[in-house]
Amino acid sequence: MPQASDAQRARMIERFGSVGDAGPIDFLEGRGYELTGAWEWIAPRPDFTVDEVECIEFLVDEWDYGYVAAIREVQP
């Protein structure tokens, strides 16, 4: 059952035009995030932007996605 706040939903509508999951997913994947088969995210780096956190929290609250499960290690 959706649990996102009205403020979260309004922010997603403002940014992506709907409360669907496609906009936030496309945004995160465009930033280098990978979605696992367990519906968790692998982050491309350890420092998250506010926009990334908002999208992840919305997907968790509204769509039952998981949080960041791992941060991809960058090879030197």
PDB file of N, CA and C in Angstrom:
ATOM      1  N   MET A   1       0.843  -1.177   0.000  1.00  0.00           N
ATOM      2  CA  MET A   1       0.000   0.000   0.000  1.00  0.00           C
ATOM      3  C   MET A   1       0.892   1.246   0.000  1.00  0.00           C
ATOM      4  N   PRO A   2       0.621   2.233  -0.872  1.00  0.00           N
ATOM      5  CA  PRO A   2       1.435   3.446  -0.927  1.00  0.00           C
ATOM      6  C   PRO A   2       1.472   4.179   0.414  1.00  0.00           C
ATOM      7  N   GLN A   3       2.642   4.661   0.754  1.00  0.00           N
ATOM      8  CA  GLN A   3       2.820   5.368   2.013  1.00  0.00           C
ATOM      9  C   GLN A   3       3.536   6.706   1.856  1.00  0.00           C
ATOM     10  N   ALA A   4       3.817   7.121   0.636  1.00  0.00           N
ATOM     11  CA  ALA A   4       4.497   8.399   0.431  1.00  0.00           C
ATOM     12  C   ALA A   4       3.615   9.535   0.936  1.00  0.00           C
ATOM     13  N   SER A   5       4.256  10.565   1.405  1.00  0.00           N
ATOM     14  CA  SER A   5       3.508  11.725   1.891  1.00  0.00           C
ATOM     15  C   SER A   5       2.970  12.536   0.713  1.00  0.00           C
ATOM     16  N   ASP A   6       2.018  13.397   1.011  1.00  0.00           N
ATOM     17  CA  ASP A   6       1.492  14.290  -0.027  1.00  0.00           C
ATOM     18  C   ASP A   6       2.611  15.171  -0.579  1.00  0.00           C
ATOM     19  N   ALA A   7       3.522  15.585   0.286  1.00  0.00           N
ATOM     20  CA  ALA A   7       4.645  16.425  -0.152  1.00  0.00           C
ATOM     21  C   ALA A   7       5.568  15.655  -1.103  1.00  0.00           C
ATOM     22  N   GLN A   8       5.825  14.387  -0.799  1.00  0.00           N
ATOM     23  CA  GLN A   8       6.651  13.570  -1.695  1.00  0.00           C
ATOM     24  C   GLN A   8       5.974  13.409  -3.049  1.00  0.00           C
ATOM     25  N   ARG A   9       4.688  13.117  -3.020  1.00  0.00           N
ATOM     26  CA  ARG A   9       3.962  12.943  -4.280  1.00  0.00           C
ATOM     27  C   ARG A   9       3.966  14.236  -5.097  1.00  0.00           C
ATOM     28  N   ALA A  10       3.737  15.354  -4.430  1.00  0.00           N
ATOM     29  CA  ALA A  10       3.734  16.648  -5.128  1.00  0.00           C
ATOM     30  C   ALA A  10       5.085  16.925  -5.763  1.00  0.00           C
ATOM     31  N   ARG A  11       6.163  16.587  -5.061  1.00  0.00           N
ATOM     32  CA  ARG A  11       7.514  16.814  -5.603  1.00  0.00           C
ATOM     33  C   ARG A  11       7.752  15.959  -6.848  1.00  0.00           C
ATOM     34  N   MET A  12       7.284  14.711  -6.836  1.00  0.00           N
ATOM     35  CA  MET A  12       7.473  13.841  -8.000  1.00  0.00           C
ATOM     36  C   MET A  12       6.636  14.330  -9.180  1.00  0.00           C
ATOM     37  N   ILE A  13       5.417  14.792  -8.911  1.00  0.00           N
ATOM     38  CA  ILE A  13       4.590  15.355  -9.986  1.00  0.00           C
ATOM     39  C   ILE A  13       5.261  16.588 -10.574  1.00  0.00           C
ATOM     40  N   GLU A  14       5.805  17.429  -9.711  1.00  0.00           N
ATOM     41  CA  GLU A  14       6.509  18.634 -10.154  1.00  0.00           C
ATOM     42  C   GLU A  14       7.719  18.276 -11.023  1.00  0.00           C
ATOM     43  N   ARG A  15       8.462  17.274 -10.626  1.00  0.00           N
ATOM     44  CA  ARG A  15       9.686  16.902 -11.343  1.00  0.00           C
ATOM     45  C   ARG A  15       9.437  16.046 -12.573  1.00  0.00           C
ATOM     46  N   PHE A  16       8.510  15.061 -12.439  1.00  0.00           N
ATOM     47  CA  PHE A  16       8.367  14.046 -13.481  1.00  0.00           C
ATOM     48  C   PHE A  16       6.985  13.980 -14.119  1.00  0.00           C
ATOM     49  N   GLY A  17       6.024  14.746 -13.610  1.00  0.00           N
ATOM     50  CA  GLY A  17       4.699  14.778 -14.201  1.00  0.00           C
ATOM     51  C   GLY A  17       3.743  13.721 -13.700  1.00  0.00           C
ATOM     52  N   SER A  18       4.189  12.847 -12.808  1.00  0.00           N
ATOM     53  CA  SER A  18       3.310  11.817 -12.259  1.00  0.00           C
ATOM     54  C   SER A  18       3.930  11.241 -10.989  1.00  0.00           C
ATOM     55  N   VAL A  19       3.163  10.366 -10.331  1.00  0.00           N
ATOM     56  CA  VAL A  19       3.680   9.658  -9.164  1.00  0.00           C
ATOM     57  C   VAL A  19       4.069   8.224  -9.521  1.00  0.00           C
ATOM     58  N   GLY A  20       4.201   7.960 -10.811  1.00  0.00           N
ATOM     59  CA  GLY A  20       4.672   6.650 -11.247  1.00  0.00           C
ATOM     60  C   GLY A  20       6.136   6.461 -10.892  1.00  0.00           C
ATOM     61  N   ASP A  21       6.622   5.247 -11.054  1.00  0.00           N
ATOM     62  CA  ASP A  21       8.019   4.990 -10.708  1.00  0.00           C
ATOM     63  C   ASP A  21       8.993   5.215 -11.864  1.00  0.00           C
ATOM     64  N   ALA A  22       8.501   5.376 -13.090  1.00  0.00           N
ATOM     65  CA  ALA A  22       9.381   5.509 -14.256  1.00  0.00           C
ATOM     66  C   ALA A  22      10.281   6.746 -14.190  1.00  0.00           C
ATOM     67  N   GLY A  23       9.730   7.895 -13.812  1.00  0.00           N
ATOM     68  CA  GLY A  23      10.533   9.119 -13.746  1.00  0.00           C
ATOM     69  C   GLY A  23      11.684   9.019 -12.774  1.00  0.00           C
ATOM     70  N   PRO A  24      11.424   8.649 -11.512  1.00  0.00           N
ATOM     71  CA  PRO A  24      12.528   8.515 -10.560  1.00  0.00           C
ATOM     72  C   PRO A  24      13.538   7.434 -10.960  1.00  0.00           C
ATOM     73  N   ILE A  25      13.046   6.327 -11.511  1.00  0.00           N
ATOM     74  CA  ILE A  25      13.966   5.269 -11.944  1.00  0.00           C
ATOM     75  C   ILE A  25      14.865   5.776 -13.063  1.00  0.00           C
ATOM     76  N   ASP A  26      14.288   6.399 -14.079  1.00  0.00           N
ATOM     77  CA  ASP A  26      15.079   6.925 -15.188  1.00  0.00           C
ATOM     78  C   ASP A  26      16.112   7.936 -14.692  1.00  0.00           C
ATOM     79  N   PHE A  27      15.694   8.789 -13.758  1.00  0.00           N
ATOM     80  CA  PHE A  27      16.608   9.785 -13.192  1.00  0.00           C
ATOM     81  C   PHE A  27      17.783   9.100 -12.500  1.00  0.00           C
ATOM     82  N   LEU A  28      17.484   8.135 -11.626  1.00  0.00           N
ATOM     83  CA  LEU A  28      18.556   7.460 -10.883  1.00  0.00           C
ATOM     84  C   LEU A  28      19.469   6.670 -11.815  1.00  0.00           C
ATOM     85  N   GLU A  29      18.894   5.947 -12.756  1.00  0.00           N
ATOM     86  CA  GLU A  29      19.723   5.189 -13.691  1.00  0.00           C
ATOM     87  C   GLU A  29      20.576   6.122 -14.537  1.00  0.00           C
ATOM     88  N   GLY A  30      20.046   7.277 -14.884  1.00  0.00           N
ATOM     89  CA  GLY A  30      20.821   8.267 -15.619  1.00  0.00           C
ATOM     90  C   GLY A  30      21.988   8.825 -14.817  1.00  0.00           C
ATOM     91  N   ARG A  31      21.891   8.739 -13.498  1.00  0.00           N
ATOM     92  CA  ARG A  31      22.967   9.184 -12.614  1.00  0.00           C
ATOM     93  C   ARG A  31      23.936   8.059 -12.280  1.00  0.00           C
ATOM     94  N   GLY A  32      23.714   6.879 -12.857  1.00  0.00           N
ATOM     95  CA  GLY A  32      24.631   5.758 -12.659  1.00  0.00           C
ATOM     96  C   GLY A  32      24.202   4.722 -11.637  1.00  0.00           C
ATOM     97  N   TYR A  33      22.994   4.856 -11.088  1.00  0.00           N
ATOM     98  CA  TYR A  33      22.490   3.861 -10.145  1.00  0.00           C
ATOM     99  C   TYR A  33      22.044   2.619 -10.908  1.00  0.00           C
ATOM    100  N   GLU A  34      22.175   1.468 -10.276  1.00  0.00           N
ATOM    101  CA  GLU A  34      21.707   0.217 -10.860  1.00  0.00           C
ATOM    102  C   GLU A  34      20.675  -0.392  -9.926  1.00  0.00           C
ATOM    103  N   LEU A  35      19.569  -0.862 -10.485  1.00  0.00           N
ATOM    104  CA  LEU A  35      18.523  -1.520  -9.716  1.00  0.00           C
ATOM    105  C   LEU A  35      18.769  -3.024  -9.761  1.00  0.00           C
ATOM    106  N   THR A  36      18.823  -3.662  -8.591  1.00  0.00           N
ATOM    107  CA  THR A  36      19.065  -5.102  -8.535  1.00  0.00           C
ATOM    108  C   THR A  36      17.763  -5.870  -8.677  1.00  0.00           C
ATOM    109  N   GLY A  37      17.857  -7.165  -8.847  1.00  0.00           N
ATOM    110  CA  GLY A  37      16.685  -8.024  -8.934  1.00  0.00           C
ATOM    111  C   GLY A  37      15.900  -8.081  -7.631  1.00  0.00           C
ATOM    112  N   ALA A  38      16.541  -7.647  -6.535  1.00  0.00           N
ATOM    113  CA  ALA A  38      15.873  -7.607  -5.232  1.00  0.00           C
ATOM    114  C   ALA A  38      15.263  -6.231  -4.968  1.00  0.00           C
ATOM    115  N   TRP A  39      15.184  -5.382  -5.991  1.00  0.00           N
ATOM    116  CA  TRP A  39      14.589  -4.052  -5.911  1.00  0.00           C
ATOM    117  C   TRP A  39      15.363  -3.110  -4.986  1.00  0.00           C
ATOM    118  N   GLU A  40      16.667  -3.309  -4.909  1.00  0.00           N
ATOM    119  CA  GLU A  40      17.538  -2.421  -4.155  1.00  0.00           C
ATOM    120  C   GLU A  40      18.465  -1.724  -5.141  1.00  0.00           C
ATOM    121  N   TRP A  41      19.074  -0.662  -4.680  1.00  0.00           N
ATOM    122  CA  TRP A  41      19.916   0.144  -5.552  1.00  0.00           C
ATOM    123  C   TRP A  41      21.388  -0.059  -5.251  1.00  0.00           C
ATOM    124  N   ILE A  42      22.191  -0.041  -6.303  1.00  0.00           N
ATOM    125  CA  ILE A  42      23.642   0.033  -6.170  1.00  0.00           C
ATOM    126  C   ILE A  42      24.013   1.438  -6.604  1.00  0.00           C
ATOM    127  N   ALA A  43      24.612   2.170  -5.684  1.00  0.00           N
ATOM    128  CA  ALA A  43      24.961   3.575  -5.944  1.00  0.00           C
ATOM    129  C   ALA A  43      26.306   3.665  -6.659  1.00  0.00           C
ATOM    130  N   PRO A  44      26.466   4.662  -7.519  1.00  0.00           N
ATOM    131  CA  PRO A  44      27.723   4.808  -8.251  1.00  0.00           C
ATOM    132  C   PRO A  44      28.830   5.446  -7.425  1.00  0.00           C
ATOM    133  N   ARG A  45      28.491   6.021  -6.283  1.00  0.00           N
ATOM    134  CA  ARG A  45      29.468   6.724  -5.447  1.00  0.00           C
ATOM    135  C   ARG A  45      28.858   6.906  -4.056  1.00  0.00           C
ATOM    136  N   PRO A  46      29.656   7.213  -3.054  1.00  0.00           N
ATOM    137  CA  PRO A  46      29.133   7.313  -1.688  1.00  0.00           C
ATOM    138  C   PRO A  46      28.449   8.631  -1.338  1.00  0.00           C
ATOM    139  N   ASP A  47      28.609   9.650  -2.147  1.00  0.00           N
ATOM    140  CA  ASP A  47      27.988  10.944  -1.832  1.00  0.00           C
ATOM    141  C   ASP A  47      26.732  11.129  -2.685  1.00  0.00           C
ATOM    142  N   PHE A  48      25.587  11.197  -2.005  1.00  0.00           N
ATOM    143  CA  PHE A  48      24.296  11.292  -2.678  1.00  0.00           C
ATOM    144  C   PHE A  48      23.849  12.746  -2.743  1.00  0.00           C
ATOM    145  N   THR A  49      23.171  13.110  -3.843  1.00  0.00           N
ATOM    146  CA  THR A  49      22.595  14.451  -3.928  1.00  0.00           C
ATOM    147  C   THR A  49      21.212  14.438  -3.283  1.00  0.00           C
ATOM    148  N   VAL A  50      20.703  15.618  -2.975  1.00  0.00           N
ATOM    149  CA  VAL A  50      19.362  15.733  -2.401  1.00  0.00           C
ATOM    150  C   VAL A  50      18.333  15.143  -3.368  1.00  0.00           C
ATOM    151  N   ASP A  51      18.461  15.424  -4.652  1.00  0.00           N
ATOM    152  CA  ASP A  51      17.512  14.906  -5.639  1.00  0.00           C
ATOM    153  C   ASP A  51      17.523  13.378  -5.679  1.00  0.00           C
ATOM    154  N   GLU A  52      18.715  12.787  -5.581  1.00  0.00           N
ATOM    155  CA  GLU A  52      18.813  11.327  -5.581  1.00  0.00           C
ATOM    156  C   GLU A  52      18.126  10.737  -4.349  1.00  0.00           C
ATOM    157  N   VAL A  53      18.387  11.328  -3.197  1.00  0.00           N
ATOM    158  CA  VAL A  53      17.776  10.849  -1.954  1.00  0.00           C
ATOM    159  C   VAL A  53      16.254  10.983  -2.019  1.00  0.00           C
ATOM    160  N   GLU A  54      15.760  12.101  -2.543  1.00  0.00           N
ATOM    161  CA  GLU A  54      14.304  12.277  -2.673  1.00  0.00           C
ATOM    162  C   GLU A  54      13.689  11.188  -3.542  1.00  0.00           C
ATOM    163  N   CYS A  55      14.344  10.874  -4.643  1.00  0.00           N
ATOM    164  CA  CYS A  55      13.814   9.842  -5.542  1.00  0.00           C
ATOM    165  C   CYS A  55      13.842   8.473  -4.874  1.00  0.00           C
ATOM    166  N   ILE A  56      14.937   8.139  -4.217  1.00  0.00           N
ATOM    167  CA  ILE A  56      15.034   6.845  -3.549  1.00  0.00           C
ATOM    168  C   ILE A  56      13.992   6.740  -2.440  1.00  0.00           C
ATOM    169  N   GLU A  57      13.873   7.775  -1.621  1.00  0.00           N
ATOM    170  CA  GLU A  57      12.892   7.737  -0.533  1.00  0.00           C
ATOM    171  C   GLU A  57      11.469   7.624  -1.071  1.00  0.00           C
ATOM    172  N   PHE A  58      11.170   8.310  -2.165  1.00  0.00           N
ATOM    173  CA  PHE A  58       9.841   8.198  -2.764  1.00  0.00           C
ATOM    174  C   PHE A  58       9.586   6.766  -3.239  1.00  0.00           C
ATOM    175  N   LEU A  59      10.556   6.183  -3.939  1.00  0.00           N
ATOM    176  CA  LEU A  59      10.382   4.815  -4.431  1.00  0.00           C
ATOM    177  C   LEU A  59      10.218   3.825  -3.280  1.00  0.00           C
ATOM    178  N   VAL A  60      10.921   4.040  -2.204  1.00  0.00           N
ATOM    179  CA  VAL A  60      10.778   3.170  -1.026  1.00  0.00           C
ATOM    180  C   VAL A  60       9.394   3.344  -0.411  1.00  0.00           C
ATOM    181  N   ASP A  61       8.997   4.587  -0.199  1.00  0.00           N
ATOM    182  CA  ASP A  61       7.728   4.863   0.491  1.00  0.00           C
ATOM    183  C   ASP A  61       6.498   4.538  -0.355  1.00  0.00           C
ATOM    184  N   GLU A  62       6.526   4.895  -1.625  1.00  0.00           N
ATOM    185  CA  GLU A  62       5.343   4.741  -2.473  1.00  0.00           C
ATOM    186  C   GLU A  62       5.279   3.375  -3.158  1.00  0.00           C
ATOM    187  N   TRP A  63       6.445   2.843  -3.526  1.00  0.00           N
ATOM    188  CA  TRP A  63       6.478   1.648  -4.366  1.00  0.00           C
ATOM    189  C   TRP A  63       7.169   0.443  -3.726  1.00  0.00           C
ATOM    190  N   ASP A  64       7.595   0.567  -2.480  1.00  0.00           N
ATOM    191  CA  ASP A  64       8.220  -0.548  -1.742  1.00  0.00           C
ATOM    192  C   ASP A  64       9.553  -1.012  -2.320  1.00  0.00           C
ATOM    193  N   TYR A  65      10.268  -0.125  -2.980  1.00  0.00           N
ATOM    194  CA  TYR A  65      11.626  -0.442  -3.397  1.00  0.00           C
ATOM    195  C   TYR A  65      12.515  -0.465  -2.161  1.00  0.00           C
ATOM    196  N   GLY A  66      13.715  -1.054  -2.298  1.00  0.00           N
ATOM    197  CA  GLY A  66      14.678  -1.050  -1.210  1.00  0.00           C
ATOM    198  C   GLY A  66      15.593   0.153  -1.302  1.00  0.00           C
ATOM    199  N   TYR A  67      16.293   0.396  -0.218  1.00  0.00           N
ATOM    200  CA  TYR A  67      17.273   1.479  -0.189  1.00  0.00           C
ATOM    201  C   TYR A  67      18.538   1.072  -0.923  1.00  0.00           C
ATOM    202  N   VAL A  68      19.574   1.863  -0.791  1.00  0.00           N
ATOM    203  CA  VAL A  68      20.858   1.559  -1.408  1.00  0.00           C
ATOM    204  C   VAL A  68      21.450   0.353  -0.684  1.00  0.00           C
ATOM    205  N   ALA A  69      21.688  -0.709  -1.431  1.00  0.00           N
ATOM    206  CA  ALA A  69      22.213  -1.944  -0.866  1.00  0.00           C
ATOM    207  C   ALA A  69      23.730  -1.963  -0.894  1.00  0.00           C
ATOM    208  N   ALA A  70      24.314  -1.231  -1.837  1.00  0.00           N
ATOM    209  CA  ALA A  70      25.767  -1.233  -1.982  1.00  0.00           C
ATOM    210  C   ALA A  70      26.205   0.016  -2.734  1.00  0.00           C
ATOM    211  N   ILE A  71      27.454   0.335  -2.557  1.00  0.00           N
ATOM    212  CA  ILE A  71      28.076   1.415  -3.318  1.00  0.00           C
ATOM    213  C   ILE A  71      29.154   0.784  -4.183  1.00  0.00           C
ATOM    214  N   ARG A  72      29.070   1.033  -5.457  1.00  0.00           N
ATOM    215  CA  ARG A  72      30.006   0.448  -6.394  1.00  0.00           C
ATOM    216  C   ARG A  72      31.409   0.925  -6.079  1.00  0.00           C
ATOM    217  N   GLU A  73      32.330  -0.010  -5.978  1.00  0.00           N
ATOM    218  CA  GLU A  73      33.722   0.339  -5.740  1.00  0.00           C
ATOM    219  C   GLU A  73      34.361   0.754  -7.046  1.00  0.00           C
ATOM    220  N   VAL A  74      35.028   1.870  -7.019  1.00  0.00           N
ATOM    221  CA  VAL A  74      35.691   2.381  -8.215  1.00  0.00           C
ATOM    222  C   VAL A  74      37.134   1.898  -8.201  1.00  0.00           C
ATOM    223  N   GLN A  75      37.545   1.323  -9.300  1.00  0.00           N
ATOM    224  CA  GLN A  75      38.926   0.866  -9.419  1.00  0.00           C
ATOM    225  C   GLN A  75      39.842   2.043  -9.730  1.00  0.00           C
ATOM    226  N   PRO A  76      40.980   2.132  -9.035  1.00  0.00           N
ATOM    227  CA  PRO A  76      41.907   3.273  -9.283  1.00  0.00           C
ATOM    228  C   PRO A  76      42.518   3.241 -10.657  1.00  0.00           C
TER     229      PRO A  76
END
